[in-house]
Amino acid sequence: MTATIAPSANADGTIDISLDATKTALLFVTLTTFAQGAFSDNAFALVPGSMTVTFVLALGTTLDRTLLEKMLRVEHLVENL
């Protein structure tokens, strides 16, 4: 599974994160980061293919893309079996 952060923010200040799974459906996919904000979707199943999750900044903050990229963690059930 791979996670790719868009090179720039959207017009509304959010930033897209593309998630790609090549084979097995991944259960309980969870995204975490130290960047200030929340993900548009979290704790979901990801079947083979791709989906986009949006990172929404906390009010009054600006995007620290470097921190988001460096500290983004994508965890799922398969890692814990």
PDB file of N, CA and C in Angstrom:
ATOM      1  N   MET A   1       0.839  -1.171   0.000  1.00  0.00           N
ATOM      2  CA  MET A   1       0.000   0.000   0.000  1.00  0.00           C
ATOM      3  C   MET A   1       0.887   1.238   0.000  1.00  0.00           C
ATOM      4  N   THR A   2       0.496   2.225  -0.782  1.00  0.00           N
ATOM      5  CA  THR A   2       1.252   3.472  -0.826  1.00  0.00           C
ATOM      6  C   THR A   2       0.320   4.651  -0.570  1.00  0.00           C
ATOM      7  N   ALA A   3       0.899   5.697  -0.015  1.00  0.00           N
ATOM      8  CA  ALA A   3       0.182   6.955   0.211  1.00  0.00           C
ATOM      9  C   ALA A   3       0.993   8.067  -0.440  1.00  0.00           C
ATOM     10  N   THR A   4       0.338   8.863  -1.272  1.00  0.00           N
ATOM     11  CA  THR A   4       1.008   9.949  -1.967  1.00  0.00           C
ATOM     12  C   THR A   4       0.282  11.251  -1.665  1.00  0.00           C
ATOM     13  N   ILE A   5       1.025  12.215  -1.135  1.00  0.00           N
ATOM     14  CA  ILE A   5       0.463  13.522  -0.813  1.00  0.00           C
ATOM     15  C   ILE A   5       0.568  14.415  -2.046  1.00  0.00           C
ATOM     16  N   ALA A   6      -0.510  15.099  -2.381  1.00  0.00           N
ATOM     17  CA  ALA A   6      -0.516  16.002  -3.539  1.00  0.00           C
ATOM     18  C   ALA A   6       0.590  17.046  -3.384  1.00  0.00           C
ATOM     19  N   PRO A   7       1.186  17.474  -4.481  1.00  0.00           N
ATOM     20  CA  PRO A   7       2.282  18.444  -4.408  1.00  0.00           C
ATOM     21  C   PRO A   7       1.866  19.824  -3.907  1.00  0.00           C
ATOM     22  N   SER A   8       0.585  20.149  -4.018  1.00  0.00           N
ATOM     23  CA  SER A   8       0.119  21.451  -3.540  1.00  0.00           C
ATOM     24  C   SER A   8      -1.289  21.327  -2.975  1.00  0.00           C
ATOM     25  N   ALA A   9      -1.651  22.306  -2.183  1.00  0.00           N
ATOM     26  CA  ALA A   9      -2.970  22.316  -1.546  1.00  0.00           C
ATOM     27  C   ALA A   9      -4.056  22.662  -2.566  1.00  0.00           C
ATOM     28  N   ASN A  10      -5.276  22.260  -2.249  1.00  0.00           N
ATOM     29  CA  ASN A  10      -6.444  22.639  -3.049  1.00  0.00           C
ATOM     30  C   ASN A  10      -6.783  24.106  -2.782  1.00  0.00           C
ATOM     31  N   ALA A  11      -7.650  24.683  -3.575  1.00  0.00           N
ATOM     32  CA  ALA A  11      -8.023  26.091  -3.430  1.00  0.00           C
ATOM     33  C   ALA A  11      -8.598  26.400  -2.052  1.00  0.00           C
ATOM     34  N   ASP A  12      -9.259  25.420  -1.420  1.00  0.00           N
ATOM     35  CA  ASP A  12      -9.849  25.645  -0.097  1.00  0.00           C
ATOM     36  C   ASP A  12      -8.873  25.377   1.051  1.00  0.00           C
ATOM     37  N   GLY A  13      -7.608  25.103   0.724  1.00  0.00           N
ATOM     38  CA  GLY A  13      -6.591  24.882   1.752  1.00  0.00           C
ATOM     39  C   GLY A  13      -6.415  23.439   2.173  1.00  0.00           C
ATOM     40  N   THR A  14      -7.306  22.552   1.733  1.00  0.00           N
ATOM     41  CA  THR A  14      -7.153  21.135   2.040  1.00  0.00           C
ATOM     42  C   THR A  14      -6.082  20.532   1.130  1.00  0.00           C
ATOM     43  N   ILE A  15      -5.640  19.338   1.459  1.00  0.00           N
ATOM     44  CA  ILE A  15      -4.669  18.658   0.598  1.00  0.00           C
ATOM     45  C   ILE A  15      -5.084  17.208   0.436  1.00  0.00           C
ATOM     46  N   ASP A  16      -4.989  16.722  -0.793  1.00  0.00           N
ATOM     47  CA  ASP A  16      -5.403  15.364  -1.105  1.00  0.00           C
ATOM     48  C   ASP A  16      -4.274  14.373  -0.849  1.00  0.00           C
ATOM     49  N   ILE A  17      -4.665  13.197  -0.365  1.00  0.00           N
ATOM     50  CA  ILE A  17      -3.734  12.096  -0.159  1.00  0.00           C
ATOM     51  C   ILE A  17      -4.306  10.904  -0.914  1.00  0.00           C
ATOM     52  N   SER A  18      -3.550  10.414  -1.882  1.00  0.00           N
ATOM     53  CA  SER A  18      -3.984   9.280  -2.680  1.00  0.00           C
ATOM     54  C   SER A  18      -3.470   7.998  -2.041  1.00  0.00           C
ATOM     55  N   LEU A  19      -4.375   7.052  -1.809  1.00  0.00           N
ATOM     56  CA  LEU A  19      -4.027   5.758  -1.225  1.00  0.00           C
ATOM     57  C   LEU A  19      -4.215   4.690  -2.294  1.00  0.00           C
ATOM     58  N   ASP A  20      -3.207   3.839  -2.462  1.00  0.00           N
ATOM     59  CA  ASP A  20      -3.264   2.787  -3.471  1.00  0.00           C
ATOM     60  C   ASP A  20      -2.963   1.440  -2.833  1.00  0.00           C
ATOM     61  N   ALA A  21      -3.850   0.480  -3.060  1.00  0.00           N
ATOM     62  CA  ALA A  21      -3.650  -0.898  -2.608  1.00  0.00           C
ATOM     63  C   ALA A  21      -3.574  -1.773  -3.852  1.00  0.00           C
ATOM     64  N   THR A  22      -2.562  -2.607  -3.934  1.00  0.00           N
ATOM     65  CA  THR A  22      -2.368  -3.391  -5.145  1.00  0.00           C
ATOM     66  C   THR A  22      -3.001  -4.774  -5.109  1.00  0.00           C
ATOM     67  N   LYS A  23      -3.147  -5.366  -3.926  1.00  0.00           N
ATOM     68  CA  LYS A  23      -3.642  -6.739  -3.896  1.00  0.00           C
ATOM     69  C   LYS A  23      -4.776  -6.947  -2.907  1.00  0.00           C
ATOM     70  N   THR A  24      -4.449  -7.193  -1.685  1.00  0.00           N
ATOM     71  CA  THR A  24      -5.423  -7.598  -0.689  1.00  0.00           C
ATOM     72  C   THR A  24      -6.219  -6.421  -0.169  1.00  0.00           C
ATOM     73  N   ALA A  25      -7.477  -6.663   0.129  1.00  0.00           N
ATOM     74  CA  ALA A  25      -8.278  -5.635   0.786  1.00  0.00           C
ATOM     75  C   ALA A  25      -7.701  -5.396   2.170  1.00  0.00           C
ATOM     76  N   LEU A  26      -7.505  -4.158   2.527  1.00  0.00           N
ATOM     77  CA  LEU A  26      -6.938  -3.800   3.820  1.00  0.00           C
ATOM     78  C   LEU A  26      -8.047  -3.290   4.721  1.00  0.00           C
ATOM     79  N   LEU A  27      -8.155  -3.865   5.896  1.00  0.00           N
ATOM     80  CA  LEU A  27      -9.202  -3.482   6.836  1.00  0.00           C
ATOM     81  C   LEU A  27      -8.687  -2.517   7.885  1.00  0.00           C
ATOM     82  N   PHE A  28      -9.564  -1.676   8.343  1.00  0.00           N
ATOM     83  CA  PHE A  28      -9.260  -0.713   9.399  1.00  0.00           C
ATOM     84  C   PHE A  28      -8.038   0.145   9.069  1.00  0.00           C
ATOM     85  N   VAL A  29      -8.002   0.670   7.848  1.00  0.00           N
ATOM     86  CA  VAL A  29      -6.937   1.593   7.455  1.00  0.00           C
ATOM     87  C   VAL A  29      -7.136   2.872   8.267  1.00  0.00           C
ATOM     88  N   THR A  30      -6.078   3.300   8.934  1.00  0.00           N
ATOM     89  CA  THR A  30      -6.140   4.483   9.785  1.00  0.00           C
ATOM     90  C   THR A  30      -4.967   5.395   9.451  1.00  0.00           C
ATOM     91  N   LEU A  31      -5.240   6.684   9.301  1.00  0.00           N
ATOM     92  CA  LEU A  31      -4.216   7.678   9.009  1.00  0.00           C
ATOM     93  C   LEU A  31      -3.982   8.536  10.246  1.00  0.00           C
ATOM     94  N   THR A  32      -2.705   8.803  10.543  1.00  0.00           N
ATOM     95  CA  THR A  32      -2.366   9.691  11.651  1.00  0.00           C
ATOM     96  C   THR A  32      -1.215  10.596  11.217  1.00  0.00           C
ATOM     97  N   THR A  33      -1.100  11.739  11.871  1.00  0.00           N
ATOM     98  CA  THR A  33      -0.009  12.677  11.626  1.00  0.00           C
ATOM     99  C   THR A  33       0.070  13.662  12.790  1.00  0.00           C
ATOM    100  N   PHE A  34       1.217  14.318  12.932  1.00  0.00           N
ATOM    101  CA  PHE A  34       1.349  15.377  13.927  1.00  0.00           C
ATOM    102  C   PHE A  34       0.910  16.732  13.369  1.00  0.00           C
ATOM    103  N   ALA A  35       0.655  16.805  12.065  1.00  0.00           N
ATOM    104  CA  ALA A  35       0.157  18.043  11.473  1.00  0.00           C
ATOM    105  C   ALA A  35      -1.220  18.338  12.067  1.00  0.00           C
ATOM    106  N   GLN A  36      -1.549  19.612  12.215  1.00  0.00           N
ATOM    107  CA  GLN A  36      -2.798  20.025  12.843  1.00  0.00           C
ATOM    108  C   GLN A  36      -3.958  19.965  11.859  1.00  0.00           C
ATOM    109  N   GLY A  37      -4.874  19.022  12.083  1.00  0.00           N
ATOM    110  CA  GLY A  37      -6.028  18.891  11.206  1.00  0.00           C
ATOM    111  C   GLY A  37      -6.652  17.520  11.346  1.00  0.00           C
ATOM    112  N   ALA A  38      -7.509  17.184  10.402  1.00  0.00           N
ATOM    113  CA  ALA A  38      -8.220  15.904  10.428  1.00  0.00           C
ATOM    114  C   ALA A  38      -8.352  15.378   9.005  1.00  0.00           C
ATOM    115  N   PHE A  39      -8.567  14.074   8.899  1.00  0.00           N
ATOM    116  CA  PHE A  39      -8.751  13.441   7.601  1.00  0.00           C
ATOM    117  C   PHE A  39     -10.240  13.343   7.289  1.00  0.00           C
ATOM    118  N   SER A  40     -10.588  13.490   6.020  1.00  0.00           N
ATOM    119  CA  SER A  40     -11.994  13.447   5.614  1.00  0.00           C
ATOM    120  C   SER A  40     -12.603  12.070   5.851  1.00  0.00           C
ATOM    121  N   ASP A  41     -11.785  11.045   5.863  1.00  0.00           N
ATOM    122  CA  ASP A  41     -12.234   9.692   6.131  1.00  0.00           C
ATOM    123  C   ASP A  41     -11.105   8.989   6.874  1.00  0.00           C
ATOM    124  N   ASN A  42     -11.461   8.148   7.815  1.00  0.00           N
ATOM    125  CA  ASN A  42     -10.444   7.444   8.588  1.00  0.00           C
ATOM    126  C   ASN A  42     -11.061   6.165   9.130  1.00  0.00           C
ATOM    127  N   ALA A  43     -10.244   5.142   9.322  1.00  0.00           N
ATOM    128  CA  ALA A  43     -10.689   3.828   9.796  1.00  0.00           C
ATOM    129  C   ALA A  43     -11.685   3.216   8.815  1.00  0.00           C
ATOM    130  N   PHE A  44     -11.193   2.857   7.640  1.00  0.00           N
ATOM    131  CA  PHE A  44     -12.020   2.332   6.570  1.00  0.00           C
ATOM    132  C   PHE A  44     -11.362   1.096   5.953  1.00  0.00           C
ATOM    133  N   ALA A  45     -12.093   0.389   5.113  1.00  0.00           N
ATOM    134  CA  ALA A  45     -11.542  -0.732   4.351  1.00  0.00           C
ATOM    135  C   ALA A  45     -11.099  -0.211   2.990  1.00  0.00           C
ATOM    136  N   LEU A  46      -9.964  -0.708   2.518  1.00  0.00           N
ATOM    137  CA  LEU A  46      -9.451  -0.295   1.212  1.00  0.00           C
ATOM    138  C   LEU A  46      -9.259  -1.547   0.370  1.00  0.00           C
ATOM    139  N   VAL A  47     -10.064  -1.690  -0.660  1.00  0.00           N
ATOM    140  CA  VAL A  47      -9.954  -2.825  -1.569  1.00  0.00           C
ATOM    141  C   VAL A  47      -8.900  -2.489  -2.624  1.00  0.00           C
ATOM    142  N   PRO A  48      -8.444  -3.486  -3.382  1.00  0.00           N
ATOM    143  CA  PRO A  48      -7.462  -3.179  -4.427  1.00  0.00           C
ATOM    144  C   PRO A  48      -7.950  -2.036  -5.315  1.00  0.00           C
ATOM    145  N   GLY A  49      -7.074  -1.112  -5.565  1.00  0.00           N
ATOM    146  CA  GLY A  49      -7.405   0.082  -6.332  1.00  0.00           C
ATOM    147  C   GLY A  49      -6.930   1.303  -5.571  1.00  0.00           C
ATOM    148  N   SER A  50      -7.550   2.430  -5.821  1.00  0.00           N
ATOM    149  CA  SER A  50      -7.112   3.646  -5.153  1.00  0.00           C
ATOM    150  C   SER A  50      -8.309   4.465  -4.677  1.00  0.00           C
ATOM    151  N   MET A  51      -8.029   5.313  -3.715  1.00  0.00           N
ATOM    152  CA  MET A  51      -9.023   6.262  -3.226  1.00  0.00           C
ATOM    153  C   MET A  51      -8.283   7.508  -2.753  1.00  0.00           C
ATOM    154  N   THR A  52      -9.001   8.595  -2.645  1.00  0.00           N
ATOM    155  CA  THR A  52      -8.405   9.846  -2.187  1.00  0.00           C
ATOM    156  C   THR A  52      -9.053  10.260  -0.879  1.00  0.00           C
ATOM    157  N   VAL A  53      -8.207  10.596   0.074  1.00  0.00           N
ATOM    158  CA  VAL A  53      -8.635  11.132   1.362  1.00  0.00           C
ATOM    159  C   VAL A  53      -8.123  12.561   1.418  1.00  0.00           C
ATOM    160  N   THR A  54      -8.902  13.442   1.994  1.00  0.00           N
ATOM    161  CA  THR A  54      -8.510  14.846   2.091  1.00  0.00           C
ATOM    162  C   THR A  54      -8.105  15.176   3.517  1.00  0.00           C
ATOM    163  N   PHE A  55      -6.985  15.894   3.667  1.00  0.00           N
ATOM    164  CA  PHE A  55      -6.555  16.383   4.966  1.00  0.00           C
ATOM    165  C   PHE A  55      -7.074  17.803   5.108  1.00  0.00           C
ATOM    166  N   VAL A  56      -7.876  18.039   6.144  1.00  0.00           N
ATOM    167  CA  VAL A  56      -8.493  19.339   6.395  1.00  0.00           C
ATOM    168  C   VAL A  56      -7.757  19.990   7.564  1.00  0.00           C
ATOM    169  N   LEU A  57      -7.259  21.178   7.356  1.00  0.00           N
ATOM    170  CA  LEU A  57      -6.504  21.879   8.390  1.00  0.00           C
ATOM    171  C   LEU A  57      -7.385  22.303   9.556  1.00  0.00           C
ATOM    172  N   ALA A  58      -6.793  22.301  10.736  1.00  0.00           N
ATOM    173  CA  ALA A  58      -7.480  22.836  11.911  1.00  0.00           C
ATOM    174  C   ALA A  58      -7.661  24.342  11.710  1.00  0.00           C
ATOM    175  N   LEU A  59      -8.732  24.894  12.245  1.00  0.00           N
ATOM    176  CA  LEU A  59      -8.989  26.333  12.113  1.00  0.00           C
ATOM    177  C   LEU A  59      -7.812  27.148  12.628  1.00  0.00           C
ATOM    178  N   GLY A  60      -7.456  28.171  11.886  1.00  0.00           N
ATOM    179  CA  GLY A  60      -6.393  29.080  12.303  1.00  0.00           C
ATOM    180  C   GLY A  60      -4.988  28.565  12.057  1.00  0.00           C
ATOM    181  N   THR A  61      -4.854  27.440  11.348  1.00  0.00           N
ATOM    182  CA  THR A  61      -3.512  26.912  11.074  1.00  0.00           C
ATOM    183  C   THR A  61      -3.208  27.010   9.589  1.00  0.00           C
ATOM    184  N   THR A  62      -1.950  26.899   9.253  1.00  0.00           N
ATOM    185  CA  THR A  62      -1.534  26.859   7.859  1.00  0.00           C
ATOM    186  C   THR A  62      -0.913  25.498   7.581  1.00  0.00           C
ATOM    187  N   LEU A  63      -0.920  25.114   6.343  1.00  0.00           N
ATOM    188  CA  LEU A  63      -0.430  23.801   5.951  1.00  0.00           C
ATOM    189  C   LEU A  63       1.087  23.717   6.121  1.00  0.00           C
ATOM    190  N   ASP A  64       1.518  22.736   6.882  1.00  0.00           N
ATOM    191  CA  ASP A  64       2.932  22.397   6.976  1.00  0.00           C
ATOM    192  C   ASP A  64       3.094  21.075   6.227  1.00  0.00           C
ATOM    193  N   ARG A  65       3.234  21.170   4.907  1.00  0.00           N
ATOM    194  CA  ARG A  65       3.291  19.984   4.060  1.00  0.00           C
ATOM    195  C   ARG A  65       4.454  19.086   4.435  1.00  0.00           C
ATOM    196  N   THR A  66       5.579  19.671   4.801  1.00  0.00           N
ATOM    197  CA  THR A  66       6.748  18.880   5.183  1.00  0.00           C
ATOM    198  C   THR A  66       6.441  18.028   6.403  1.00  0.00           C
ATOM    199  N   LEU A  67       5.797  18.612   7.408  1.00  0.00           N
ATOM    200  CA  LEU A  67       5.433  17.857   8.608  1.00  0.00           C
ATOM    201  C   LEU A  67       4.417  16.771   8.264  1.00  0.00           C
ATOM    202  N   LEU A  68       3.431  17.110   7.454  1.00  0.00           N
ATOM    203  CA  LEU A  68       2.428  16.130   7.048  1.00  0.00           C
ATOM    204  C   LEU A  68       3.093  14.961   6.329  1.00  0.00           C
ATOM    205  N   GLU A  69       3.974  15.254   5.398  1.00  0.00           N
ATOM    206  CA  GLU A  69       4.647  14.207   4.634  1.00  0.00           C
ATOM    207  C   GLU A  69       5.569  13.364   5.521  1.00  0.00           C
ATOM    208  N   LYS A  70       6.308  14.020   6.379  1.00  0.00           N
ATOM    209  CA  LYS A  70       7.266  13.316   7.230  1.00  0.00           C
ATOM    210  C   LYS A  70       6.579  12.453   8.285  1.00  0.00           C
ATOM    211  N   MET A  71       5.464  12.926   8.831  1.00  0.00           N
ATOM    212  CA  MET A  71       4.838  12.246   9.967  1.00  0.00           C
ATOM    213  C   MET A  71       3.564  11.463   9.609  1.00  0.00           C
ATOM    214  N   LEU A  72       3.202  11.401   8.335  1.00  0.00           N
ATOM    215  CA  LEU A  72       2.018  10.648   7.945  1.00  0.00           C
ATOM    216  C   LEU A  72       2.253   9.157   8.181  1.00  0.00           C
ATOM    217  N   ARG A  73       1.352   8.553   8.928  1.00  0.00           N
ATOM    218  CA  ARG A  73       1.388   7.107   9.150  1.00  0.00           C
ATOM    219  C   ARG A  73       0.100   6.508   8.626  1.00  0.00           C
ATOM    220  N   VAL A  74       0.247   5.424   7.886  1.00  0.00           N
ATOM    221  CA  VAL A  74      -0.905   4.683   7.383  1.00  0.00           C
ATOM    222  C   VAL A  74      -0.799   3.285   7.978  1.00  0.00           C
ATOM    223  N   GLU A  75      -1.750   2.957   8.824  1.00  0.00           N
ATOM    224  CA  GLU A  75      -1.734   1.657   9.485  1.00  0.00           C
ATOM    225  C   GLU A  75      -2.968   0.869   9.077  1.00  0.00           C
ATOM    226  N   HIS A  76      -2.841  -0.461   9.142  1.00  0.00           N
ATOM    227  CA  HIS A  76      -3.980  -1.313   8.824  1.00  0.00           C
ATOM    228  C   HIS A  76      -3.848  -2.642   9.546  1.00  0.00           C
ATOM    229  N   LEU A  77      -4.927  -3.383   9.578  1.00  0.00           N
ATOM    230  CA  LEU A  77      -5.018  -4.620  10.336  1.00  0.00           C
ATOM    231  C   LEU A  77      -3.954  -5.640   9.936  1.00  0.00           C
ATOM    232  N   VAL A  78      -3.649  -5.757   8.659  1.00  0.00           N
ATOM    233  CA  VAL A  78      -2.680  -6.747   8.188  1.00  0.00           C
ATOM    234  C   VAL A  78      -1.333  -6.580   8.883  1.00  0.00           C
ATOM    235  N   GLU A  79      -0.938  -5.348   9.181  1.00  0.00           N
ATOM    236  CA  GLU A  79       0.339  -5.095   9.853  1.00  0.00           C
ATOM    237  C   GLU A  79       0.370  -5.666  11.257  1.00  0.00           C
ATOM    238  N   ASN A  80      -0.782  -5.890  11.847  1.00  0.00           N
ATOM    239  CA  ASN A  80      -0.846  -6.310  13.241  1.00  0.00           C
ATOM    240  C   ASN A  80      -1.235  -7.775  13.437  1.00  0.00           C
ATOM    241  N   LEU A  81      -1.219  -8.539  12.377  1.00  0.00           N
ATOM    242  CA  LEU A  81      -1.560  -9.970  12.495  1.00  0.00           C
ATOM    243  C   LEU A  81      -0.349 -10.796  12.856  1.00  0.00           C
TER     244      LEU A  81
END
